[in-house]
Amino acid sequence: MKNKKKYKRKNKENGKDKVGTEMCQYFFENGVDLLRNKVFYDILVKNTNWERIMIEVVAGVIYKDNKFLIAQRNLKKAQGGLWEFPGGKVENNELKESALIREIKEEFDADIKVDKYIGENIHHYPEKDVKLIFYKATLLSDKITLIEHENYQWITKKEKDNFEFAGADKMVFDLIEED
C-alpha cells in the first residue's frame, strides 16, 4: 500500500473517483505494483482522475582536480549498477541546494559547496517521473566513504562513454563544460 501515496487526486467530485479508488484497491490487494506496471498504470489513469506525481531530485556535478564525481548505484536498488551524478530527493520545504548538501553527506559522508545551477531534465521512467536538477559543486572533504553506492570514479567528460548512465543523468553531459 505504500506506493499509493505516489498518486494524487485531481478532482474528488468527479464520478470517476470512486471507480479509481476501487481499481486502485483491487490492484494493491492483488499485488500489482502500479508504479512498475505500465499497463495497469495506464488503465488507472484512463479510468480515473489520478495522476503521477513528479519527484524532484537534485544531482551534483562535483568537481575535484578538473574531474567530476560519478557514482555507481546500489545493485539492490532501482537501476542498480548504472552510474549517476550523486544526489537525491528534495524533501518538503527544503531548498534544492540544501538537499544536495544533505544527500552528499548522507551517501558519501562528504562535504561540498554548491557553486551554481547547471540545468534540469525531466525523465519518465516506467515506475516514476523524475525532475532532475543539476548543480555544479566543489568537494570540500579529503575523502569519500561509500555508504549507499557500489563504487565511485573521478572522470573527465571525454571518459563518459566508458560508463553506462541512468537515463535521467545522460543529458547533463551537454551542459558540462569541456575538459
Protein backbone atom coordinates (compact mmCIF):
# COMPACT_ATOMS: atom_id res chain seq x y z
CA MET A 1 0.00 0.00 0.00
CA LYS A 2 2.96 2.37 0.40
CA ASN A 3 3.04 3.12 -3.35
CA LYS A 4 -0.45 4.62 -3.20
CA LYS A 5 0.99 7.93 -1.95
CA LYS A 6 2.80 8.37 -5.27
CA TYR A 7 -0.55 9.32 -6.78
CA LYS A 8 -2.82 12.24 -6.05
CA ARG A 9 -6.41 13.04 -6.96
CA LYS A 10 -7.14 15.83 -9.39
CA ASN A 11 -10.83 16.17 -8.61
CA LYS A 12 -12.57 14.39 -5.76
CA GLU A 13 -16.03 15.34 -7.02
CA ASN A 14 -15.74 13.60 -10.39
CA GLY A 15 -17.71 10.35 -10.72
CA LYS A 16 -14.59 8.52 -11.88
CA ASP A 17 -13.08 8.96 -8.44
CA LYS A 18 -14.98 6.04 -6.89
CA VAL A 19 -14.05 3.77 -9.79
CA GLY A 20 -10.41 4.84 -9.45
CA THR A 21 -10.34 4.15 -5.73
CA GLU A 22 -11.90 0.71 -6.25
CA MET A 23 -9.47 -0.10 -9.07
CA CYS A 24 -6.52 1.06 -7.03
CA GLN A 25 -7.64 -1.01 -4.06
CA TYR A 26 -8.10 -4.08 -6.29
CA PHE A 27 -4.62 -3.69 -7.82
CA PHE A 28 -2.92 -3.29 -4.45
CA GLU A 29 -4.84 -6.18 -2.85
CA ASN A 30 -3.78 -8.41 -5.72
CA GLY A 31 -0.11 -7.47 -5.58
CA VAL A 32 0.02 -5.26 -8.68
CA ASP A 33 2.67 -2.57 -8.25
CA LEU A 34 1.19 0.28 -10.26
CA LEU A 35 4.46 2.18 -10.33
CA ARG A 36 6.21 -0.72 -12.05
CA ASN A 37 3.41 -1.91 -14.31
CA LYS A 38 2.72 0.45 -17.21
CA VAL A 39 -0.36 -1.43 -18.43
CA PHE A 40 -2.17 -1.20 -15.08
CA TYR A 41 -0.95 2.35 -14.60
CA ASP A 42 -2.43 3.36 -17.98
CA ILE A 43 -5.75 1.68 -17.09
CA LEU A 44 -5.85 3.57 -13.82
CA VAL A 45 -5.05 6.93 -15.38
CA LYS A 46 -7.52 6.50 -18.26
CA ASN A 47 -10.35 5.43 -15.96
CA THR A 48 -9.77 7.78 -13.05
CA ASN A 49 -8.65 11.22 -12.07
CA TRP A 50 -5.38 10.03 -10.60
CA GLU A 51 -2.09 11.33 -11.93
CA ARG A 52 1.55 10.52 -11.28
CA ILE A 53 3.49 12.89 -9.09
CA MET A 54 6.79 14.28 -10.31
CA ILE A 55 9.65 13.53 -7.92
CA GLU A 56 12.17 16.36 -7.59
CA VAL A 57 15.75 15.14 -7.35
CA VAL A 58 18.98 17.14 -7.15
CA ALA A 59 22.30 15.94 -8.50
CA GLY A 60 25.78 17.35 -8.17
CA VAL A 61 28.39 17.63 -10.84
CA ILE A 62 31.06 17.66 -8.14
CA TYR A 63 34.49 18.79 -9.30
CA LYS A 64 37.95 17.99 -7.96
CA ASP A 65 41.19 18.49 -9.91
CA ASN A 66 39.34 19.14 -13.22
CA LYS A 67 37.42 15.86 -12.95
CA PHE A 68 33.89 15.23 -11.72
CA LEU A 69 32.44 12.57 -9.45
CA ILE A 70 30.15 9.81 -10.69
CA ALA A 71 28.75 7.02 -8.55
CA GLN A 72 27.52 3.52 -9.31
CA ARG A 73 24.01 2.88 -8.00
CA ASN A 74 23.43 0.22 -5.36
CA LEU A 75 22.86 -3.15 -7.04
CA LYS A 76 19.83 -3.82 -4.82
CA LYS A 77 18.00 -0.63 -5.80
CA ALA A 78 16.21 0.51 -8.97
CA GLN A 79 18.65 0.88 -11.86
CA GLY A 80 21.28 -0.89 -9.79
CA GLY A 81 24.74 -0.89 -11.30
CA LEU A 82 24.15 2.14 -13.51
CA TRP A 83 26.23 5.27 -12.99
CA GLU A 84 24.85 8.61 -11.92
CA PHE A 85 25.69 12.04 -10.66
CA PRO A 86 25.24 11.78 -6.89
CA GLY A 87 22.33 13.44 -5.14
CA GLY A 88 18.81 12.57 -4.09
CA LYS A 89 15.24 13.58 -3.41
CA VAL A 90 14.31 17.06 -2.29
CA GLU A 91 12.26 16.91 0.92
CA ASN A 92 9.16 19.07 1.50
CA ASN A 93 10.06 22.72 2.13
CA GLU A 94 13.77 22.04 1.55
CA LEU A 95 15.95 24.28 -0.59
CA LYS A 96 17.42 22.39 -3.52
CA GLU A 97 20.99 23.39 -2.67
CA SER A 98 20.47 22.24 0.93
CA ALA A 99 19.06 18.93 -0.32
CA LEU A 100 22.18 18.33 -2.40
CA ILE A 101 24.49 19.10 0.53
CA ARG A 102 22.44 16.80 2.79
CA GLU A 103 22.35 13.93 0.27
CA ILE A 104 26.12 14.02 -0.35
CA LYS A 105 26.71 13.98 3.41
CA GLU A 106 24.28 11.04 3.87
CA GLU A 107 25.54 8.98 0.92
CA PHE A 108 29.29 9.72 0.99
CA ASP A 109 29.98 11.30 4.39
CA ALA A 110 31.47 14.20 2.44
CA ASP A 111 31.01 17.96 2.40
CA ILE A 112 30.51 20.03 -0.73
CA LYS A 113 30.00 23.64 -1.69
CA VAL A 114 27.23 24.20 -4.24
CA ASP A 115 28.57 26.61 -6.84
CA LYS A 116 25.85 27.16 -9.43
CA TYR A 117 22.76 25.79 -11.15
CA ILE A 118 23.58 23.93 -14.38
CA GLY A 119 20.20 22.81 -15.72
CA GLU A 120 17.46 20.23 -15.34
CA ASN A 121 15.93 17.26 -17.06
CA ILE A 122 12.52 15.64 -16.78
CA HIS A 123 12.78 11.92 -17.35
CA HIS A 124 9.93 9.40 -17.47
CA TYR A 125 10.91 6.03 -16.06
CA PRO A 126 8.37 3.19 -16.17
CA GLU A 127 7.99 3.32 -12.39
CA LYS A 128 8.17 7.10 -11.82
CA ASP A 129 8.68 10.55 -13.29
CA VAL A 130 11.76 12.45 -12.17
CA LYS A 131 12.70 16.10 -12.45
CA LEU A 132 16.48 16.01 -12.05
CA ILE A 133 18.06 19.36 -11.20
CA PHE A 134 21.83 19.62 -11.69
CA TYR A 135 24.23 21.85 -9.77
CA LYS A 136 27.95 22.36 -10.17
CA ALA A 137 29.64 21.76 -6.82
CA THR A 138 33.09 21.51 -5.28
CA LEU A 139 34.23 18.74 -2.95
CA LEU A 140 35.43 20.14 0.38
CA SER A 141 36.21 16.85 2.14
CA ASP A 142 39.50 14.99 1.81
CA LYS A 143 37.86 11.59 1.44
CA ILE A 144 34.67 9.91 0.26
CA THR A 145 33.07 6.96 2.04
CA LEU A 146 30.70 4.72 0.08
CA ILE A 147 27.51 4.41 2.13
CA GLU A 148 24.75 3.98 -0.49
CA HIS A 149 26.69 3.29 -3.71
CA GLU A 150 28.76 0.40 -5.06
CA ASN A 151 31.65 2.44 -6.41
CA TYR A 152 32.70 5.92 -7.48
CA GLN A 153 35.04 7.37 -10.07
CA TRP A 154 36.53 10.73 -10.92
CA ILE A 155 36.24 11.18 -14.70
CA THR A 156 36.52 13.75 -17.44
CA LYS A 157 33.76 14.41 -19.95
CA LYS A 158 35.75 12.51 -22.57
CA GLU A 159 35.62 9.35 -20.43
CA LYS A 160 31.81 9.29 -20.11
CA ASP A 161 31.31 6.62 -22.79
CA ASN A 162 33.17 4.11 -20.60
CA PHE A 163 30.21 4.06 -18.19
CA GLU A 164 26.52 3.21 -18.52
CA PHE A 165 24.48 6.06 -17.01
CA ALA A 166 20.93 6.14 -15.67
CA GLY A 167 18.55 7.71 -18.21
CA ALA A 168 17.93 10.99 -16.41
CA ASP A 169 21.67 11.62 -15.94
CA LYS A 170 22.70 11.28 -19.58
CA MET A 171 21.65 14.73 -20.76
CA VAL A 172 23.82 16.65 -18.31
CA PHE A 173 26.89 15.99 -20.43
CA ASP A 174 25.55 18.52 -22.94
CA LEU A 175 25.65 21.13 -20.16
CA ILE A 176 29.07 20.29 -18.72
CA GLU A 177 31.93 22.47 -19.88
CA GLU A 178 34.69 20.77 -21.88
CA ASP A 179 37.76 19.48 -20.06
